[in-house]
Amino acid sequence: MKPRFCWFKAMKCGSTFLGSLTYFIKPALSPFFAWLFLGEAITGRIVLGVALMLFGALLSLKKVPAEKENMKAIPAKVRL
């Protein structure tokens, strides 16, 4: 219960986009916690999968200047 409260509190303080992105990074981190706490083996496939997930997250974080320019052209009434 408490971790969920902390997560919602963090989303209130930061952006929703960043909060949701951190929520979906958890599957990428779980193999390393399993290795650390449970002694599970980390295979090459796991490392490749984690790398792909983190690369996708980094692509999502990258800002595209063209989007900002396009948003300026949209009237404020149309924006969500």
PDB file of N, CA and C in Angstrom:
ATOM      1  N   MET A   1       0.820  -1.195   0.000  1.00  0.00           N
ATOM      2  CA  MET A   1       0.000   0.000   0.000  1.00  0.00           C
ATOM      3  C   MET A   1       0.866   1.261   0.000  1.00  0.00           C
ATOM      4  N   LYS A   2       1.902   1.266   0.829  1.00  0.00           N
ATOM      5  CA  LYS A   2       2.739   2.452   0.928  1.00  0.00           C
ATOM      6  C   LYS A   2       3.511   2.746  -0.373  1.00  0.00           C
ATOM      7  N   PRO A   3       4.102   1.729  -1.063  1.00  0.00           N
ATOM      8  CA  PRO A   3       4.790   2.054  -2.318  1.00  0.00           C
ATOM      9  C   PRO A   3       3.859   2.667  -3.353  1.00  0.00           C
ATOM     10  N   ARG A   4       2.622   2.188  -3.405  1.00  0.00           N
ATOM     11  CA  ARG A   4       1.678   2.747  -4.364  1.00  0.00           C
ATOM     12  C   ARG A   4       1.370   4.198  -4.029  1.00  0.00           C
ATOM     13  N   PHE A   5       1.227   4.513  -2.741  1.00  0.00           N
ATOM     14  CA  PHE A   5       0.998   5.887  -2.318  1.00  0.00           C
ATOM     15  C   PHE A   5       2.173   6.772  -2.728  1.00  0.00           C
ATOM     16  N   CYS A   6       3.392   6.277  -2.518  1.00  0.00           N
ATOM     17  CA  CYS A   6       4.582   7.054  -2.893  1.00  0.00           C
ATOM     18  C   CYS A   6       4.637   7.281  -4.396  1.00  0.00           C
ATOM     19  N   TRP A   7       4.225   6.272  -5.163  1.00  0.00           N
ATOM     20  CA  TRP A   7       4.255   6.414  -6.621  1.00  0.00           C
ATOM     21  C   TRP A   7       3.265   7.483  -7.065  1.00  0.00           C
ATOM     22  N   PHE A   8       2.058   7.483  -6.498  1.00  0.00           N
ATOM     23  CA  PHE A   8       1.067   8.490  -6.857  1.00  0.00           C
ATOM     24  C   PHE A   8       1.483   9.877  -6.386  1.00  0.00           C
ATOM     25  N   LYS A   9       2.134   9.954  -5.258  1.00  0.00           N
ATOM     26  CA  LYS A   9       2.646  11.235  -4.767  1.00  0.00           C
ATOM     27  C   LYS A   9       3.722  11.775  -5.716  1.00  0.00           C
ATOM     28  N   ALA A  10       4.584  10.888  -6.199  1.00  0.00           N
ATOM     29  CA  ALA A  10       5.622  11.303  -7.149  1.00  0.00           C
ATOM     30  C   ALA A  10       5.001  11.761  -8.467  1.00  0.00           C
ATOM     31  N   MET A  11       3.930  11.089  -8.894  1.00  0.00           N
ATOM     32  CA  MET A  11       3.274  11.511 -10.132  1.00  0.00           C
ATOM     33  C   MET A  11       2.620  12.870  -9.969  1.00  0.00           C
ATOM     34  N   LYS A  12       2.152  13.174  -8.758  1.00  0.00           N
ATOM     35  CA  LYS A  12       1.548  14.475  -8.508  1.00  0.00           C
ATOM     36  C   LYS A  12       2.601  15.581  -8.581  1.00  0.00           C
ATOM     37  N   CYS A  13       3.808  15.278  -8.096  1.00  0.00           N
ATOM     38  CA  CYS A  13       4.880  16.276  -8.089  1.00  0.00           C
ATOM     39  C   CYS A  13       5.534  16.439  -9.456  1.00  0.00           C
ATOM     40  N   GLY A  14       5.615  15.371 -10.221  1.00  0.00           N
ATOM     41  CA  GLY A  14       6.258  15.425 -11.533  1.00  0.00           C
ATOM     42  C   GLY A  14       5.227  15.328 -12.645  1.00  0.00           C
ATOM     43  N   SER A  15       5.691  15.060 -13.827  1.00  0.00           N
ATOM     44  CA  SER A  15       4.779  14.934 -14.959  1.00  0.00           C
ATOM     45  C   SER A  15       4.195  13.525 -15.016  1.00  0.00           C
ATOM     46  N   THR A  16       3.021  13.419 -15.571  1.00  0.00           N
ATOM     47  CA  THR A  16       2.367  12.124 -15.714  1.00  0.00           C
ATOM     48  C   THR A  16       3.151  11.242 -16.670  1.00  0.00           C
ATOM     49  N   PHE A  17       3.697  11.839 -17.714  1.00  0.00           N
ATOM     50  CA  PHE A  17       4.474  11.087 -18.692  1.00  0.00           C
ATOM     51  C   PHE A  17       5.678  10.419 -18.042  1.00  0.00           C
ATOM     52  N   LEU A  18       6.408  11.169 -17.265  1.00  0.00           N
ATOM     53  CA  LEU A  18       7.600  10.623 -16.617  1.00  0.00           C
ATOM     54  C   LEU A  18       7.232   9.568 -15.577  1.00  0.00           C
ATOM     55  N   GLY A  19       6.162   9.803 -14.857  1.00  0.00           N
ATOM     56  CA  GLY A  19       5.719   8.820 -13.872  1.00  0.00           C
ATOM     57  C   GLY A  19       5.296   7.515 -14.503  1.00  0.00           C
ATOM     58  N   SER A  20       4.570   7.596 -15.610  1.00  0.00           N
ATOM     59  CA  SER A  20       4.142   6.368 -16.276  1.00  0.00           C
ATOM     60  C   SER A  20       5.327   5.658 -16.920  1.00  0.00           C
ATOM     61  N   LEU A  21       6.297   6.408 -17.376  1.00  0.00           N
ATOM     62  CA  LEU A  21       7.477   5.791 -17.961  1.00  0.00           C
ATOM     63  C   LEU A  21       8.275   5.028 -16.912  1.00  0.00           C
ATOM     64  N   THR A  22       8.402   5.590 -15.732  1.00  0.00           N
ATOM     65  CA  THR A  22       9.116   4.874 -14.673  1.00  0.00           C
ATOM     66  C   THR A  22       8.346   3.637 -14.231  1.00  0.00           C
ATOM     67  N   TYR A  23       7.033   3.682 -14.314  1.00  0.00           N
ATOM     68  CA  TYR A  23       6.224   2.510 -13.962  1.00  0.00           C
ATOM     69  C   TYR A  23       6.521   1.356 -14.910  1.00  0.00           C
ATOM     70  N   PHE A  24       6.733   1.646 -16.184  1.00  0.00           N
ATOM     71  CA  PHE A  24       6.979   0.592 -17.161  1.00  0.00           C
ATOM     72  C   PHE A  24       8.447   0.198 -17.268  1.00  0.00           C
ATOM     73  N   ILE A  25       9.335   0.852 -16.547  1.00  0.00           N
ATOM     74  CA  ILE A  25      10.743   0.449 -16.513  1.00  0.00           C
ATOM     75  C   ILE A  25      10.947  -0.680 -15.496  1.00  0.00           C
ATOM     76  N   LYS A  26       9.995  -0.852 -14.587  1.00  0.00           N
ATOM     77  CA  LYS A  26      10.136  -1.888 -13.549  1.00  0.00           C
ATOM     78  C   LYS A  26      10.410  -3.275 -14.122  1.00  0.00           C
ATOM     79  N   PRO A  27       9.758  -3.717 -15.205  1.00  0.00           N
ATOM     80  CA  PRO A  27      10.093  -5.043 -15.742  1.00  0.00           C
ATOM     81  C   PRO A  27      11.544  -5.160 -16.209  1.00  0.00           C
ATOM     82  N   ALA A  28      12.129  -4.048 -16.609  1.00  0.00           N
ATOM     83  CA  ALA A  28      13.528  -4.088 -17.031  1.00  0.00           C
ATOM     84  C   ALA A  28      14.462  -4.245 -15.836  1.00  0.00           C
ATOM     85  N   LEU A  29      14.048  -3.777 -14.688  1.00  0.00           N
ATOM     86  CA  LEU A  29      14.903  -3.858 -13.505  1.00  0.00           C
ATOM     87  C   LEU A  29      14.717  -5.151 -12.714  1.00  0.00           C
ATOM     88  N   SER A  30      13.603  -5.827 -12.904  1.00  0.00           N
ATOM     89  CA  SER A  30      13.317  -7.010 -12.088  1.00  0.00           C
ATOM     90  C   SER A  30      14.343  -8.144 -12.250  1.00  0.00           C
ATOM     91  N   PRO A  31      14.921  -8.399 -13.436  1.00  0.00           N
ATOM     92  CA  PRO A  31      15.941  -9.457 -13.493  1.00  0.00           C
ATOM     93  C   PRO A  31      17.169  -9.166 -12.621  1.00  0.00           C
ATOM     94  N   PHE A  32      17.541  -7.901 -12.517  1.00  0.00           N
ATOM     95  CA  PHE A  32      18.705  -7.557 -11.715  1.00  0.00           C
ATOM     96  C   PHE A  32      18.410  -7.679 -10.217  1.00  0.00           C
ATOM     97  N   PHE A  33      17.163  -7.355  -9.818  1.00  0.00           N
ATOM     98  CA  PHE A  33      16.793  -7.560  -8.422  1.00  0.00           C
ATOM     99  C   PHE A  33      16.687  -9.049  -8.113  1.00  0.00           C
ATOM    100  N   ALA A  34      16.212  -9.852  -9.077  1.00  0.00           N
ATOM    101  CA  ALA A  34      16.155 -11.304  -8.884  1.00  0.00           C
ATOM    102  C   ALA A  34      17.569 -11.877  -8.743  1.00  0.00           C
ATOM    103  N   TRP A  35      18.496 -11.354  -9.491  1.00  0.00           N
ATOM    104  CA  TRP A  35      19.896 -11.795  -9.385  1.00  0.00           C
ATOM    105  C   TRP A  35      20.473 -11.387  -8.026  1.00  0.00           C
ATOM    106  N   LEU A  36      20.188 -10.155  -7.624  1.00  0.00           N
ATOM    107  CA  LEU A  36      20.756  -9.623  -6.396  1.00  0.00           C
ATOM    108  C   LEU A  36      20.204 -10.322  -5.155  1.00  0.00           C
ATOM    109  N   PHE A  37      18.895 -10.504  -5.092  1.00  0.00           N
ATOM    110  CA  PHE A  37      18.281 -11.035  -3.882  1.00  0.00           C
ATOM    111  C   PHE A  37      18.048 -12.544  -3.907  1.00  0.00           C
ATOM    112  N   LEU A  38      17.807 -13.103  -5.092  1.00  0.00           N
ATOM    113  CA  LEU A  38      17.462 -14.522  -5.175  1.00  0.00           C
ATOM    114  C   LEU A  38      18.551 -15.389  -5.795  1.00  0.00           C
ATOM    115  N   GLY A  39      19.577 -14.754  -6.330  1.00  0.00           N
ATOM    116  CA  GLY A  39      20.662 -15.508  -6.946  1.00  0.00           C
ATOM    117  C   GLY A  39      20.316 -16.096  -8.305  1.00  0.00           C
ATOM    118  N   GLU A  40      19.328 -15.529  -8.981  1.00  0.00           N
ATOM    119  CA  GLU A  40      18.940 -16.006 -10.310  1.00  0.00           C
ATOM    120  C   GLU A  40      20.045 -15.684 -11.318  1.00  0.00           C
ATOM    121  N   ALA A  41      20.143 -16.532 -12.330  1.00  0.00           N
ATOM    122  CA  ALA A  41      21.148 -16.310 -13.379  1.00  0.00           C
ATOM    123  C   ALA A  41      20.625 -15.299 -14.400  1.00  0.00           C
ATOM    124  N   ILE A  42      21.519 -14.457 -14.880  1.00  0.00           N
ATOM    125  CA  ILE A  42      21.172 -13.496 -15.932  1.00  0.00           C
ATOM    126  C   ILE A  42      21.805 -13.988 -17.215  1.00  0.00           C
ATOM    127  N   THR A  43      20.951 -14.325 -18.184  1.00  0.00           N
ATOM    128  CA  THR A  43      21.433 -14.839 -19.461  1.00  0.00           C
ATOM    129  C   THR A  43      21.581 -13.709 -20.474  1.00  0.00           C
ATOM    130  N   GLY A  44      22.140 -14.036 -21.604  1.00  0.00           N
ATOM    131  CA  GLY A  44      22.299 -13.050 -22.671  1.00  0.00           C
ATOM    132  C   GLY A  44      20.967 -12.545 -23.194  1.00  0.00           C
ATOM    133  N   ARG A  45      19.964 -13.414 -23.239  1.00  0.00           N
ATOM    134  CA  ARG A  45      18.634 -12.988 -23.695  1.00  0.00           C
ATOM    135  C   ARG A  45      18.018 -11.974 -22.745  1.00  0.00           C
ATOM    136  N   ILE A  46      18.235 -12.182 -21.467  1.00  0.00           N
ATOM    137  CA  ILE A  46      17.708 -11.237 -20.484  1.00  0.00           C
ATOM    138  C   ILE A  46      18.384  -9.882 -20.644  1.00  0.00           C
ATOM    139  N   VAL A  47      19.698  -9.887 -20.804  1.00  0.00           N
ATOM    140  CA  VAL A  47      20.431  -8.629 -20.983  1.00  0.00           C
ATOM    141  C   VAL A  47      19.975  -7.923 -22.260  1.00  0.00           C
ATOM    142  N   LEU A  48      19.771  -8.685 -23.334  1.00  0.00           N
ATOM    143  CA  LEU A  48      19.296  -8.091 -24.584  1.00  0.00           C
ATOM    144  C   LEU A  48      17.896  -7.504 -24.413  1.00  0.00           C
ATOM    145  N   GLY A  49      17.015  -8.226 -23.748  1.00  0.00           N
ATOM    146  CA  GLY A  49      15.661  -7.729 -23.515  1.00  0.00           C
ATOM    147  C   GLY A  49      15.649  -6.474 -22.669  1.00  0.00           C
ATOM    148  N   VAL A  50      16.450  -6.452 -21.617  1.00  0.00           N
ATOM    149  CA  VAL A  50      16.538  -5.274 -20.757  1.00  0.00           C
ATOM    150  C   VAL A  50      17.099  -4.087 -21.541  1.00  0.00           C
ATOM    151  N   ALA A  51      18.110  -4.334 -22.351  1.00  0.00           N
ATOM    152  CA  ALA A  51      18.703  -3.259 -23.153  1.00  0.00           C
ATOM    153  C   ALA A  51      17.678  -2.678 -24.127  1.00  0.00           C
ATOM    154  N   LEU A  52      16.879  -3.536 -24.738  1.00  0.00           N
ATOM    155  CA  LEU A  52      15.854  -3.046 -25.664  1.00  0.00           C
ATOM    156  C   LEU A  52      14.784  -2.234 -24.937  1.00  0.00           C
ATOM    157  N   MET A  53      14.389  -2.689 -23.742  1.00  0.00           N
ATOM    158  CA  MET A  53      13.389  -1.933 -22.974  1.00  0.00           C
ATOM    159  C   MET A  53      13.919  -0.565 -22.556  1.00  0.00           C
ATOM    160  N   LEU A  54      15.159  -0.531 -22.086  1.00  0.00           N
ATOM    161  CA  LEU A  54      15.735   0.743 -21.671  1.00  0.00           C
ATOM    162  C   LEU A  54      15.973   1.670 -22.860  1.00  0.00           C
ATOM    163  N   PHE A  55      16.343   1.101 -24.006  1.00  0.00           N
ATOM    164  CA  PHE A  55      16.527   1.914 -25.212  1.00  0.00           C
ATOM    165  C   PHE A  55      15.194   2.526 -25.639  1.00  0.00           C
ATOM    166  N   GLY A  56      14.110   1.749 -25.559  1.00  0.00           N
ATOM    167  CA  GLY A  56      12.790   2.285 -25.881  1.00  0.00           C
ATOM    168  C   GLY A  56      12.381   3.392 -24.925  1.00  0.00           C
ATOM    169  N   ALA A  57      12.716   3.228 -23.647  1.00  0.00           N
ATOM    170  CA  ALA A  57      12.410   4.274 -22.673  1.00  0.00           C
ATOM    171  C   ALA A  57      13.206   5.538 -22.962  1.00  0.00           C
ATOM    172  N   LEU A  58      14.465   5.376 -23.334  1.00  0.00           N
ATOM    173  CA  LEU A  58      15.280   6.552 -23.677  1.00  0.00           C
ATOM    174  C   LEU A  58      14.750   7.263 -24.915  1.00  0.00           C
ATOM    175  N   LEU A  59      14.276   6.491 -25.892  1.00  0.00           N
ATOM    176  CA  LEU A  59      13.679   7.114 -27.072  1.00  0.00           C
ATOM    177  C   LEU A  59      12.426   7.898 -26.707  1.00  0.00           C
ATOM    178  N   SER A  60      11.665   7.393 -25.765  1.00  0.00           N
ATOM    179  CA  SER A  60      10.464   8.101 -25.327  1.00  0.00           C
ATOM    180  C   SER A  60      10.806   9.395 -24.606  1.00  0.00           C
ATOM    181  N   LEU A  61      11.921   9.415 -23.909  1.00  0.00           N
ATOM    182  CA  LEU A  61      12.323  10.611 -23.172  1.00  0.00           C
ATOM    183  C   LEU A  61      12.918  11.686 -24.067  1.00  0.00           C
ATOM    184  N   LYS A  62      13.421  11.283 -25.220  1.00  0.00           N
ATOM    185  CA  LYS A  62      14.062  12.254 -26.114  1.00  0.00           C
ATOM    186  C   LYS A  62      13.016  13.235 -26.640  1.00  0.00           C
ATOM    187  N   LYS A  63      13.321  14.503 -26.515  1.00  0.00           N
ATOM    188  CA  LYS A  63      12.395  15.531 -26.962  1.00  0.00           C
ATOM    189  C   LYS A  63      12.604  15.805 -28.447  1.00  0.00           C
ATOM    190  N   VAL A  64      11.499  15.949 -29.140  1.00  0.00           N
ATOM    191  CA  VAL A  64      11.544  16.248 -30.563  1.00  0.00           C
ATOM    192  C   VAL A  64      11.110  17.699 -30.741  1.00  0.00           C
ATOM    193  N   PRO A  65      12.009  18.561 -31.224  1.00  0.00           N
ATOM    194  CA  PRO A  65      11.669  19.976 -31.370  1.00  0.00           C
ATOM    195  C   PRO A  65      10.507  20.217 -32.328  1.00  0.00           C
ATOM    196  N   ALA A  66      10.344  19.376 -33.335  1.00  0.00           N
ATOM    197  CA  ALA A  66       9.278  19.586 -34.313  1.00  0.00           C
ATOM    198  C   ALA A  66       7.901  19.490 -33.660  1.00  0.00           C
ATOM    199  N   GLU A  67       7.747  18.671 -32.636  1.00  0.00           N
ATOM    200  CA  GLU A  67       6.461  18.545 -31.965  1.00  0.00           C
ATOM    201  C   GLU A  67       6.071  19.853 -31.287  1.00  0.00           C
ATOM    202  N   LYS A  68       7.034  20.528 -30.684  1.00  0.00           N
ATOM    203  CA  LYS A  68       6.734  21.800 -30.033  1.00  0.00           C
ATOM    204  C   LYS A  68       6.291  22.836 -31.062  1.00  0.00           C
ATOM    205  N   GLU A  69       6.944  22.855 -32.207  1.00  0.00           N
ATOM    206  CA  GLU A  69       6.572  23.807 -33.244  1.00  0.00           C
ATOM    207  C   GLU A  69       5.177  23.509 -33.772  1.00  0.00           C
ATOM    208  N   ASN A  70       4.851  22.228 -33.925  1.00  0.00           N
ATOM    209  CA  ASN A  70       3.530  21.859 -34.407  1.00  0.00           C
ATOM    210  C   ASN A  70       2.458  22.196 -33.378  1.00  0.00           C
ATOM    211  N   MET A  71       2.760  22.079 -32.097  1.00  0.00           N
ATOM    212  CA  MET A  71       1.788  22.380 -31.056  1.00  0.00           C
ATOM    213  C   MET A  71       1.471  23.875 -31.014  1.00  0.00           C
ATOM    214  N   LYS A  72       2.426  24.718 -31.375  1.00  0.00           N
ATOM    215  CA  LYS A  72       2.175  26.152 -31.383  1.00  0.00           C
ATOM    216  C   LYS A  72       1.168  26.526 -32.464  1.00  0.00           C
ATOM    217  N   ALA A  73       1.131  25.746 -33.526  1.00  0.00           N
ATOM    218  CA  ALA A  73       0.223  26.053 -34.623  1.00  0.00           C
ATOM    219  C   ALA A  73      -1.215  25.652 -34.304  1.00  0.00           C
ATOM    220  N   ILE A  74      -1.412  24.796 -33.318  1.00  0.00           N
ATOM    221  CA  ILE A  74      -2.756  24.339 -32.965  1.00  0.00           C
ATOM    222  C   ILE A  74      -3.370  25.340 -31.987  1.00  0.00           C
ATOM    223  N   PRO A  75      -4.577  25.811 -32.271  1.00  0.00           N
ATOM    224  CA  PRO A  75      -5.216  26.753 -31.357  1.00  0.00           C
ATOM    225  C   PRO A  75      -5.410  26.137 -29.979  1.00  0.00           C
ATOM    226  N   ALA A  76      -5.413  26.982 -28.947  1.00  0.00           N
ATOM    227  CA  ALA A  76      -5.501  26.502 -27.570  1.00  0.00           C
ATOM    228  C   ALA A  76      -6.814  25.758 -27.313  1.00  0.00           C
ATOM    229  N   LYS A  77      -7.881  26.094 -28.011  1.00  0.00           N
ATOM    230  CA  LYS A  77      -9.165  25.436 -27.805  1.00  0.00           C
ATOM    231  C   LYS A  77      -9.133  23.985 -28.237  1.00  0.00           C
ATOM    232  N   VAL A  78      -8.267  23.638 -29.191  1.00  0.00           N
ATOM    233  CA  VAL A  78      -8.210  22.290 -29.730  1.00  0.00           C
ATOM    234  C   VAL A  78      -7.320  21.389 -28.883  1.00  0.00           C
ATOM    235  N   ARG A  79      -6.345  21.972 -28.186  1.00  0.00           N
ATOM    236  CA  ARG A  79      -5.403  21.178 -27.397  1.00  0.00           C
ATOM    237  C   ARG A  79      -6.121  20.445 -26.279  1.00  0.00           C
ATOM    238  N   LEU A  80      -5.570  19.273 -25.947  1.00  0.00           N
ATOM    239  CA  LEU A  80      -6.149  18.489 -24.848  1.00  0.00           C
ATOM    240  C   LEU A  80      -5.566  18.880 -23.533  1.00  0.00           C
TER     241      LEU A  80
END
